[in-house]
C-alpha atoms as a PDB file:
ATOM      1  CA  MET A   1     -56.344 212.968 138.947  1.00  0.00           C
ATOM      2  CA  ARG A   2     -54.162 213.173 135.831  1.00  0.00           C
ATOM      3  CA  MET A   3     -55.668 215.169 132.965  1.00  0.00           C
ATOM      4  CA  ALA A   4     -54.418 214.458 129.447  1.00  0.00           C
ATOM      5  CA  CYS A   5     -53.719 217.658 127.545  1.00  0.00           C
ATOM      6  CA  CYS A   6     -52.747 216.202 124.195  1.00  0.00           C
ATOM      7  CA  LEU A   7     -52.637 212.872 122.415  1.00  0.00           C
ATOM      8  CA  LEU A   8     -50.243 211.727 119.737  1.00  0.00           C
ATOM      9  CA  ALA A   9     -51.287 208.648 117.764  1.00  0.00           C
ATOM     10  CA  ILE A  10     -48.833 206.916 115.493  1.00  0.00           C
ATOM     11  CA  SER A  11     -50.159 204.461 112.929  1.00  0.00           C
ATOM     12  CA  LEU A  12     -48.422 202.357 110.321  1.00  0.00           C
ATOM     13  CA  LEU A  13     -49.629 202.769 106.762  1.00  0.00           C
ATOM     14  CA  PRO A  14     -50.396 199.422 105.049  1.00  0.00           C
ATOM     15  CA  PRO A  15     -49.585 198.538 101.432  1.00  0.00           C
ATOM     16  CA  ILE A  16     -52.155 199.690  98.845  1.00  0.00           C
ATOM     17  CA  GLY A  17     -55.161 197.384  98.814  1.00  0.00           C
ATOM     18  CA  GLN A  18     -54.888 196.308 102.457  1.00  0.00           C
ATOM     19  CA  ALA A  19     -57.033 197.517 105.308  1.00  0.00           C
ATOM     20  CA  ALA A  20     -55.573 200.215 107.498  1.00  0.00           C
ATOM     21  CA  ALA A  21     -53.913 198.951 110.663  1.00  0.00           C
ATOM     22  CA  PRO A  22     -55.147 200.344 113.981  1.00  0.00           C
ATOM     23  CA  PRO A  23     -52.865 202.733 115.863  1.00  0.00           C
ATOM     24  CA  VAL A  24     -50.253 200.763 117.798  1.00  0.00           C
ATOM     25  CA  ALA A  25     -48.563 203.544 119.752  1.00  0.00           C
ATOM     26  CA  LYS A  26     -50.336 206.257 121.722  1.00  0.00           C
ATOM     27  CA  TYR A  27     -48.632 208.777 123.919  1.00  0.00           C
ATOM     28  CA  THR A  28     -50.352 211.112 126.378  1.00  0.00           C
ATOM     29  CA  HIS A  29     -48.767 214.188 127.902  1.00  0.00           C
ATOM     30  CA  ASN A  30     -49.833 215.310 131.371  1.00  0.00           C
ATOM     31  CA  LYS A  31     -49.083 218.586 133.123  1.00  0.00           C
ATOM     32  CA  ILE A  32     -49.214 216.819 136.482  1.00  0.00           C
ATOM     33  CA  HIS A  33     -46.705 214.016 136.754  1.00  0.00           C
ATOM     34  CA  ASP A  34     -44.159 212.278 138.954  1.00  0.00           C
ATOM     35  CA  ARG A  35     -41.038 214.302 139.805  1.00  0.00           C
ATOM     36  CA  ASP A  36     -38.913 211.500 138.338  1.00  0.00           C
ATOM     37  CA  GLY A  37     -40.901 211.338 135.085  1.00  0.00           C
ATOM     38  CA  ILE A  38     -41.138 213.418 131.939  1.00  0.00           C
ATOM     39  CA  GLY A  39     -44.920 213.767 131.917  1.00  0.00           C
ATOM     40  CA  LYS A  40     -45.266 211.487 128.900  1.00  0.00           C
ATOM     41  CA  PHE A  41     -47.227 208.235 129.190  1.00  0.00           C
ATOM     42  CA  TYR A  42     -47.172 205.050 127.109  1.00  0.00           C
ATOM     43  CA  MET A  43     -49.646 202.209 127.658  1.00  0.00           C
ATOM     44  CA  GLY A  44     -50.486 203.544 131.107  1.00  0.00           C
ATOM     45  CA  ARG A  45     -46.858 203.945 132.208  1.00  0.00           C
ATOM     46  CA  GLU A  46     -45.117 207.246 132.810  1.00  0.00           C
ATOM     47  CA  ILE A  47     -41.722 207.414 131.132  1.00  0.00           C
ATOM     48  CA  ALA A  48     -38.842 208.140 133.504  1.00  0.00           C
ATOM     49  CA  GLN A  49     -36.159 210.776 133.101  1.00  0.00           C
ATOM     50  CA  PHE A  50     -32.930 209.384 131.670  1.00  0.00           C
ATOM     51  CA  MET A  51     -29.656 209.314 133.564  1.00  0.00           C
ATOM     52  CA  SER A  52     -27.218 212.090 132.732  1.00  0.00           C
ATOM     53  CA  HIS A  53     -23.575 211.414 131.863  1.00  0.00           C
ATOM     54  CA  GLU A  54     -22.737 213.264 135.066  1.00  0.00           C
ATOM     55  CA  ALA A  55     -23.839 210.139 136.962  1.00  0.00           C
ATOM     56  CA  ALA A  56     -21.505 207.817 135.021  1.00  0.00           C
ATOM     57  CA  ASP A  57     -19.515 207.035 138.180  1.00  0.00           C
ATOM     58  CA  TRP A  58     -22.646 205.442 139.684  1.00  0.00           C
ATOM     59  CA  LEU A  59     -22.692 202.930 136.828  1.00  0.00           C
ATOM     60  CA  GLU A  60     -19.106 201.945 137.629  1.00  0.00           C
ATOM     61  CA  ARG A  61     -19.495 201.766 141.432  1.00  0.00           C
ATOM     62  CA  PRO A  62     -17.494 198.850 142.931  1.00  0.00           C
ATOM     63  CA  GLU A  63     -20.467 197.485 144.877  1.00  0.00           C
ATOM     64  CA  ARG A  64     -22.608 197.095 141.744  1.00  0.00           C
ATOM     65  CA  ILE A  65     -21.495 193.531 141.065  1.00  0.00           C
ATOM     66  CA  LYS A  66     -22.613 192.489 144.565  1.00  0.00           C
ATOM     67  CA  GLU A  67     -25.854 194.497 144.590  1.00  0.00           C
ATOM     68  CA  GLU A  68     -27.028 193.476 141.113  1.00  0.00           C
ATOM     69  CA  ARG A  69     -24.949 190.323 140.471  1.00  0.00           C
ATOM     70  CA  THR A  70     -23.912 191.585 137.066  1.00  0.00           C
ATOM     71  CA  ASP A  71     -21.670 188.527 136.773  1.00  0.00           C
ATOM     72  CA  LYS A  72     -24.728 186.239 136.916  1.00  0.00           C
ATOM     73  CA  LEU A  73     -26.489 188.358 134.313  1.00  0.00           C
ATOM     74  CA  LEU A  74     -23.617 188.008 131.844  1.00  0.00           C
ATOM     75  CA  LYS A  75     -23.455 184.236 132.359  1.00  0.00           C
ATOM     76  CA  ALA A  76     -27.214 183.941 131.757  1.00  0.00           C
ATOM     77  CA  LEU A  77     -27.130 185.635 128.347  1.00  0.00           C
ATOM     78  CA  PRO A  78     -27.204 183.305 125.280  1.00  0.00           C
ATOM     79  CA  ILE A  79     -24.041 184.782 123.782  1.00  0.00           C
ATOM     80  CA  LYS A  80     -21.531 182.878 121.659  1.00  0.00           C
ATOM     81  CA  PRO A  81     -18.219 183.871 120.063  1.00  0.00           C
ATOM     82  CA  GLY A  82     -18.634 185.655 116.743  1.00  0.00           C
ATOM     83  CA  MET A  83     -22.008 187.219 117.541  1.00  0.00           C
ATOM     84  CA  THR A  84     -23.008 190.819 116.912  1.00  0.00           C
ATOM     85  CA  VAL A  85     -24.423 192.121 120.189  1.00  0.00           C
ATOM     86  CA  VAL A  86     -25.867 195.535 120.999  1.00  0.00           C
ATOM     87  CA  ASP A  87     -25.383 197.219 124.363  1.00  0.00           C
ATOM     88  CA  LEU A  88     -28.224 199.721 124.064  1.00  0.00           C
ATOM     89  CA  GLY A  89     -27.978 202.607 126.487  1.00  0.00           C
ATOM     90  CA  ALA A  90     -24.365 201.602 126.946  1.00  0.00           C
ATOM     91  CA  GLY A  91     -23.518 204.524 129.201  1.00  0.00           C
ATOM     92  CA  SER A  92     -19.932 204.255 130.393  1.00  0.00           C
ATOM     93  CA  GLY A  93     -19.523 200.828 128.770  1.00  0.00           C
ATOM     94  CA  TYR A  94     -19.899 198.858 131.994  1.00  0.00           C
ATOM     95  CA  PHE A  95     -21.368 195.920 130.054  1.00  0.00           C
ATOM     96  CA  SER A  96     -19.808 196.645 126.661  1.00  0.00           C
ATOM     97  CA  PHE A  97     -16.323 195.546 127.704  1.00  0.00           C
ATOM     98  CA  PRO A  98     -17.199 192.167 129.277  1.00  0.00           C
ATOM     99  CA  LEU A  99     -19.547 191.534 126.340  1.00  0.00           C
ATOM    100  CA  ALA A 100     -16.621 192.194 123.989  1.00  0.00           C
ATOM    101  CA  LYS A 101     -14.724 189.359 125.684  1.00  0.00           C
ATOM    102  CA  LEU A 102     -17.707 187.013 125.334  1.00  0.00           C
ATOM    103  CA  VAL A 103     -18.107 187.536 121.570  1.00  0.00           C
ATOM    104  CA  GLY A 104     -14.357 187.354 120.984  1.00  0.00           C
ATOM    105  CA  PRO A 105     -12.246 188.913 118.227  1.00  0.00           C
ATOM    106  CA  LYS A 106     -14.591 187.686 115.471  1.00  0.00           C
ATOM    107  CA  GLY A 107     -17.631 189.207 117.152  1.00  0.00           C
ATOM    108  CA  LYS A 108     -18.682 192.808 117.590  1.00  0.00           C
ATOM    109  CA  ILE A 109     -20.316 194.939 120.259  1.00  0.00           C
ATOM    110  CA  LEU A 110     -22.376 197.906 119.100  1.00  0.00           C
ATOM    111  CA  ALA A 111     -22.406 200.304 122.057  1.00  0.00           C
ATOM    112  CA  VAL A 112     -25.295 202.721 121.554  1.00  0.00           C
ATOM    113  CA  ASP A 113     -25.981 205.853 123.560  1.00  0.00           C
ATOM    114  CA  ILE A 114     -27.564 209.279 122.938  1.00  0.00           C
ATOM    115  CA  GLN A 115     -25.007 211.188 125.010  1.00  0.00           C
ATOM    116  CA  LYS A 116     -21.691 212.027 123.355  1.00  0.00           C
ATOM    117  CA  GLU A 117     -20.033 212.251 126.754  1.00  0.00           C
ATOM    118  CA  MET A 118     -20.832 208.581 127.436  1.00  0.00           C
ATOM    119  CA  LEU A 119     -19.463 207.517 124.057  1.00  0.00           C
ATOM    120  CA  ASP A 120     -16.314 209.562 124.705  1.00  0.00           C
ATOM    121  CA  LEU A 121     -15.790 207.553 127.901  1.00  0.00           C
ATOM    122  CA  ILE A 122     -16.072 204.321 125.925  1.00  0.00           C
ATOM    123  CA  HIS A 123     -13.644 205.563 123.256  1.00  0.00           C
ATOM    124  CA  THR A 124     -11.109 206.504 125.948  1.00  0.00           C
ATOM    125  CA  ARG A 125     -11.404 203.129 127.674  1.00  0.00           C
ATOM    126  CA  MET A 126     -11.126 201.268 124.361  1.00  0.00           C
ATOM    127  CA  LYS A 127      -7.798 202.949 123.663  1.00  0.00           C
ATOM    128  CA  LYS A 128      -6.534 202.373 127.200  1.00  0.00           C
ATOM    129  CA  ARG A 129      -7.523 198.691 127.193  1.00  0.00           C
ATOM    130  CA  LYS A 130      -6.617 198.117 123.511  1.00  0.00           C
ATOM    131  CA  VAL A 131     -10.130 196.826 122.728  1.00  0.00           C
ATOM    132  CA  THR A 132     -10.983 196.817 119.012  1.00  0.00           C
ATOM    133  CA  ASN A 133     -14.289 194.931 118.736  1.00  0.00           C
ATOM    134  CA  ILE A 134     -16.527 197.635 120.233  1.00  0.00           C
ATOM    135  CA  GLU A 135     -18.172 200.171 117.911  1.00  0.00           C
ATOM    136  CA  PRO A 136     -19.616 203.205 119.744  1.00  0.00           C
ATOM    137  CA  ILE A 137     -22.768 204.509 117.999  1.00  0.00           C
ATOM    138  CA  MET A 138     -24.539 207.801 118.560  1.00  0.00           C
ATOM    139  CA  GLY A 139     -28.247 207.034 118.527  1.00  0.00           C
ATOM    140  CA  THR A 140     -31.225 209.352 118.834  1.00  0.00           C
ATOM    141  CA  VAL A 141     -34.260 209.247 121.121  1.00  0.00           C
ATOM    142  CA  SER A 142     -36.251 207.462 118.406  1.00  0.00           C
ATOM    143  CA  ASP A 143     -33.600 205.554 116.417  1.00  0.00           C
ATOM    144  CA  PRO A 144     -30.648 203.505 117.723  1.00  0.00           C
ATOM    145  CA  LYS A 145     -28.991 203.655 114.260  1.00  0.00           C
ATOM    146  CA  LEU A 146     -28.462 199.899 113.961  1.00  0.00           C
ATOM    147  CA  PRO A 147     -27.897 197.863 110.772  1.00  0.00           C
ATOM    148  CA  GLU A 148     -31.005 195.975 109.632  1.00  0.00           C
ATOM    149  CA  GLY A 149     -31.094 192.203 110.003  1.00  0.00           C
ATOM    150  CA  LYS A 150     -27.518 191.922 111.325  1.00  0.00           C
ATOM    151  CA  VAL A 151     -27.862 191.701 115.112  1.00  0.00           C
ATOM    152  CA  ASP A 152     -27.964 188.509 117.207  1.00  0.00           C
ATOM    153  CA  LEU A 153     -28.854 190.009 120.587  1.00  0.00           C
ATOM    154  CA  ILE A 154     -29.760 193.403 122.047  1.00  0.00           C
ATOM    155  CA  LEU A 155     -29.181 193.988 125.751  1.00  0.00           C
ATOM    156  CA  MET A 156     -30.887 196.833 127.621  1.00  0.00           C
ATOM    157  CA  VAL A 157     -29.939 197.124 131.288  1.00  0.00           C
ATOM    158  CA  ASP A 158     -32.171 199.494 133.283  1.00  0.00           C
ATOM    159  CA  VAL A 159     -32.736 201.664 130.225  1.00  0.00           C
ATOM    160  CA  TYR A 160     -35.964 200.799 128.377  1.00  0.00           C
ATOM    161  CA  HIS A 161     -38.192 202.558 130.925  1.00  0.00           C
ATOM    162  CA  GLU A 162     -36.344 205.812 130.086  1.00  0.00           C
ATOM    163  CA  PHE A 163     -37.022 205.747 126.323  1.00  0.00           C
ATOM    164  CA  SER A 164     -39.057 208.825 125.392  1.00  0.00           C
ATOM    165  CA  HIS A 165     -40.140 206.997 122.187  1.00  0.00           C
ATOM    166  CA  PRO A 166     -40.417 203.342 123.260  1.00  0.00           C
ATOM    167  CA  PHE A 167     -42.513 202.171 120.291  1.00  0.00           C
ATOM    168  CA  GLU A 168     -40.222 203.706 117.684  1.00  0.00           C
ATOM    169  CA  MET A 169     -37.100 202.425 119.434  1.00  0.00           C
ATOM    170  CA  VAL A 170     -38.354 198.844 119.689  1.00  0.00           C
ATOM    171  CA  ASP A 171     -39.615 198.941 116.108  1.00  0.00           C
ATOM    172  CA  ALA A 172     -36.102 199.906 114.961  1.00  0.00           C
ATOM    173  CA  MET A 173     -34.479 197.297 117.191  1.00  0.00           C
ATOM    174  CA  VAL A 174     -36.705 194.522 115.856  1.00  0.00           C
ATOM    175  CA  ARG A 175     -35.726 195.494 112.309  1.00  0.00           C
ATOM    176  CA  SER A 176     -32.062 195.213 113.264  1.00  0.00           C
ATOM    177  CA  LEU A 177     -32.409 191.687 114.662  1.00  0.00           C
ATOM    178  CA  LYS A 178     -31.929 188.524 112.672  1.00  0.00           C
ATOM    179  CA  VAL A 179     -34.906 186.151 112.746  1.00  0.00           C
ATOM    180  CA  GLY A 180     -34.472 184.289 116.019  1.00  0.00           C
ATOM    181  CA  GLY A 181     -32.465 187.173 117.461  1.00  0.00           C
ATOM    182  CA  LYS A 182     -33.012 188.089 121.101  1.00  0.00           C
ATOM    183  CA  LEU A 183     -34.193 191.293 122.745  1.00  0.00           C
ATOM    184  CA  VAL A 184     -33.230 191.277 126.432  1.00  0.00           C
ATOM    185  CA  PHE A 185     -34.763 193.590 129.025  1.00  0.00           C
ATOM    186  CA  VAL A 186     -33.134 193.902 132.421  1.00  0.00           C
ATOM    187  CA  GLU A 187     -35.444 195.995 134.594  1.00  0.00           C
ATOM    188  CA  TYR A 188     -35.808 196.510 138.330  1.00  0.00           C
ATOM    189  CA  ARG A 189     -38.824 194.538 139.584  1.00  0.00           C
ATOM    190  CA  LEU A 190     -41.788 196.796 140.309  1.00  0.00           C
ATOM    191  CA  GLU A 191     -43.567 193.757 141.771  1.00  0.00           C
ATOM    192  CA  ASP A 192     -41.102 193.798 144.675  1.00  0.00           C
ATOM    193  CA  PRO A 193     -41.531 196.750 147.089  1.00  0.00           C
ATOM    194  CA  ASP A 194     -38.200 195.883 148.720  1.00  0.00           C
ATOM    195  CA  VAL A 195     -36.176 196.753 145.604  1.00  0.00           C
ATOM    196  CA  PRO A 196     -34.567 200.087 146.665  1.00  0.00           C
ATOM    197  CA  ILE A 197     -35.153 201.973 143.414  1.00  0.00           C
ATOM    198  CA  LYS A 198     -37.563 204.836 142.638  1.00  0.00           C
ATOM    199  CA  LEU A 199     -40.899 203.607 141.305  1.00  0.00           C
ATOM    200  CA  LEU A 200     -40.605 205.092 137.809  1.00  0.00           C
ATOM    201  CA  HIS A 201     -37.298 203.295 137.343  1.00  0.00           C
ATOM    202  CA  LYS A 202     -38.922 199.895 137.912  1.00  0.00           C
ATOM    203  CA  MET A 203     -41.185 197.829 135.629  1.00  0.00           C
ATOM    204  CA  THR A 204     -43.390 194.793 136.037  1.00  0.00           C
ATOM    205  CA  GLN A 205     -42.931 191.804 133.773  1.00  0.00           C
ATOM    206  CA  LYS A 206     -46.608 192.170 132.810  1.00  0.00           C
ATOM    207  CA  GLN A 207     -46.045 195.735 131.577  1.00  0.00           C
ATOM    208  CA  VAL A 208     -42.998 194.774 129.511  1.00  0.00           C
ATOM    209  CA  LYS A 209     -44.947 191.937 127.864  1.00  0.00           C
ATOM    210  CA  ARG A 210     -47.855 194.286 127.167  1.00  0.00           C
ATOM    211  CA  GLU A 211     -45.619 196.781 125.402  1.00  0.00           C
ATOM    212  CA  MET A 212     -43.867 194.110 123.332  1.00  0.00           C
ATOM    213  CA  ALA A 213     -47.157 192.524 122.191  1.00  0.00           C
ATOM    214  CA  VAL A 214     -47.473 195.081 119.357  1.00  0.00           C
ATOM    215  CA  HIS A 215     -44.172 193.987 117.803  1.00  0.00           C
ATOM    216  CA  ALA A 216     -43.047 190.873 115.886  1.00  0.00           C
ATOM    217  CA  LEU A 217     -41.712 189.315 119.067  1.00  0.00           C
ATOM    218  CA  LYS A 218     -42.565 186.376 121.276  1.00  0.00           C
ATOM    219  CA  HIS A 219     -41.748 186.059 124.946  1.00  0.00           C
ATOM    220  CA  SER A 220     -39.028 183.440 125.277  1.00  0.00           C
ATOM    221  CA  LYS A 221     -38.481 183.332 129.023  1.00  0.00           C
ATOM    222  CA  THR A 222     -38.029 185.377 132.174  1.00  0.00           C
ATOM    223  CA  LEU A 223     -35.170 184.736 134.549  1.00  0.00           C
ATOM    224  CA  ASP A 224     -35.524 185.926 138.127  1.00  0.00           C
ATOM    225  CA  ILE A 225     -32.019 184.981 139.219  1.00  0.00           C
ATOM    226  CA  LEU A 226     -30.857 188.484 140.137  1.00  0.00           C
ATOM    227  CA  PRO A 227     -31.358 190.200 143.514  1.00  0.00           C
ATOM    228  CA  TRP A 228     -33.340 193.169 142.167  1.00  0.00           C
ATOM    229  CA  GLN A 229     -34.019 192.762 138.457  1.00  0.00           C
ATOM    230  CA  HIS A 230     -35.952 190.682 135.937  1.00  0.00           C
ATOM    231  CA  ILE A 231     -34.176 189.325 132.874  1.00  0.00           C
ATOM    232  CA  ILE A 232     -36.994 189.274 130.303  1.00  0.00           C
ATOM    233  CA  ILE A 233     -36.097 187.753 126.934  1.00  0.00           C
ATOM    234  CA  PHE A 234     -38.013 188.076 123.664  1.00  0.00           C
ATOM    235  CA  GLU A 235     -37.285 186.526 120.270  1.00  0.00           C
ATOM    236  CA  LYS A 236     -37.862 187.951 116.804  1.00  0.00           C
ATOM    237  CA  THR A 237     -40.392 185.698 115.067  1.00  0.00           C
ATOM    238  CA  LYS A 238     -40.388 186.810 111.432  1.00  0.00           C
ATOM    239  CA  PRO A 239     -38.482 189.017 108.929  1.00  0.00           C
END
């Protein structure tokens, strides 16, 4: 049995004269937790440990395209030339570079990570490949440091479940999106026991929808065209 030892409630203060909004983000911290988690829970889900830069080679493994069909994922994204697209949790830049080709020279890729070592890898590869439309950004665990109202699409591949501050991160991401902008979750399917990934690094579509329900987002569609992962797409509904 998991015993909660402390509770942090975060509430948004309304303008003067309006009723107070109920708390929308609650975190619990448990002493007993999964070995792959951090002991912090959000909406009934334990948050997983994030991947260290020391595992960057795993992101670039040659068999990844066959295992995860990353080519199909890129083709399924509603990306057009000239867009501003965020690769959030960019890691080694595995997706940043093909995304840079999709948006073209008039578009921009904002490659966000919280590990300097990952961003250094991207900088090195940009110079080697002479790529100029990627902007590496050092984010924090609660703020991706994105420009407000400027982003067309945010892509998160196997990363959201590792956010230690998921509410704050999504709140900041929604602010960065244009109205009609897309927030795209790619997460290993917890519904499928045959997906060979540790449990805390998988999510159900139901859980993702539950966590997004407190934000100014609507579920657009879910694509189950990949061998192991959902592609769950939300749209920003208002300024």
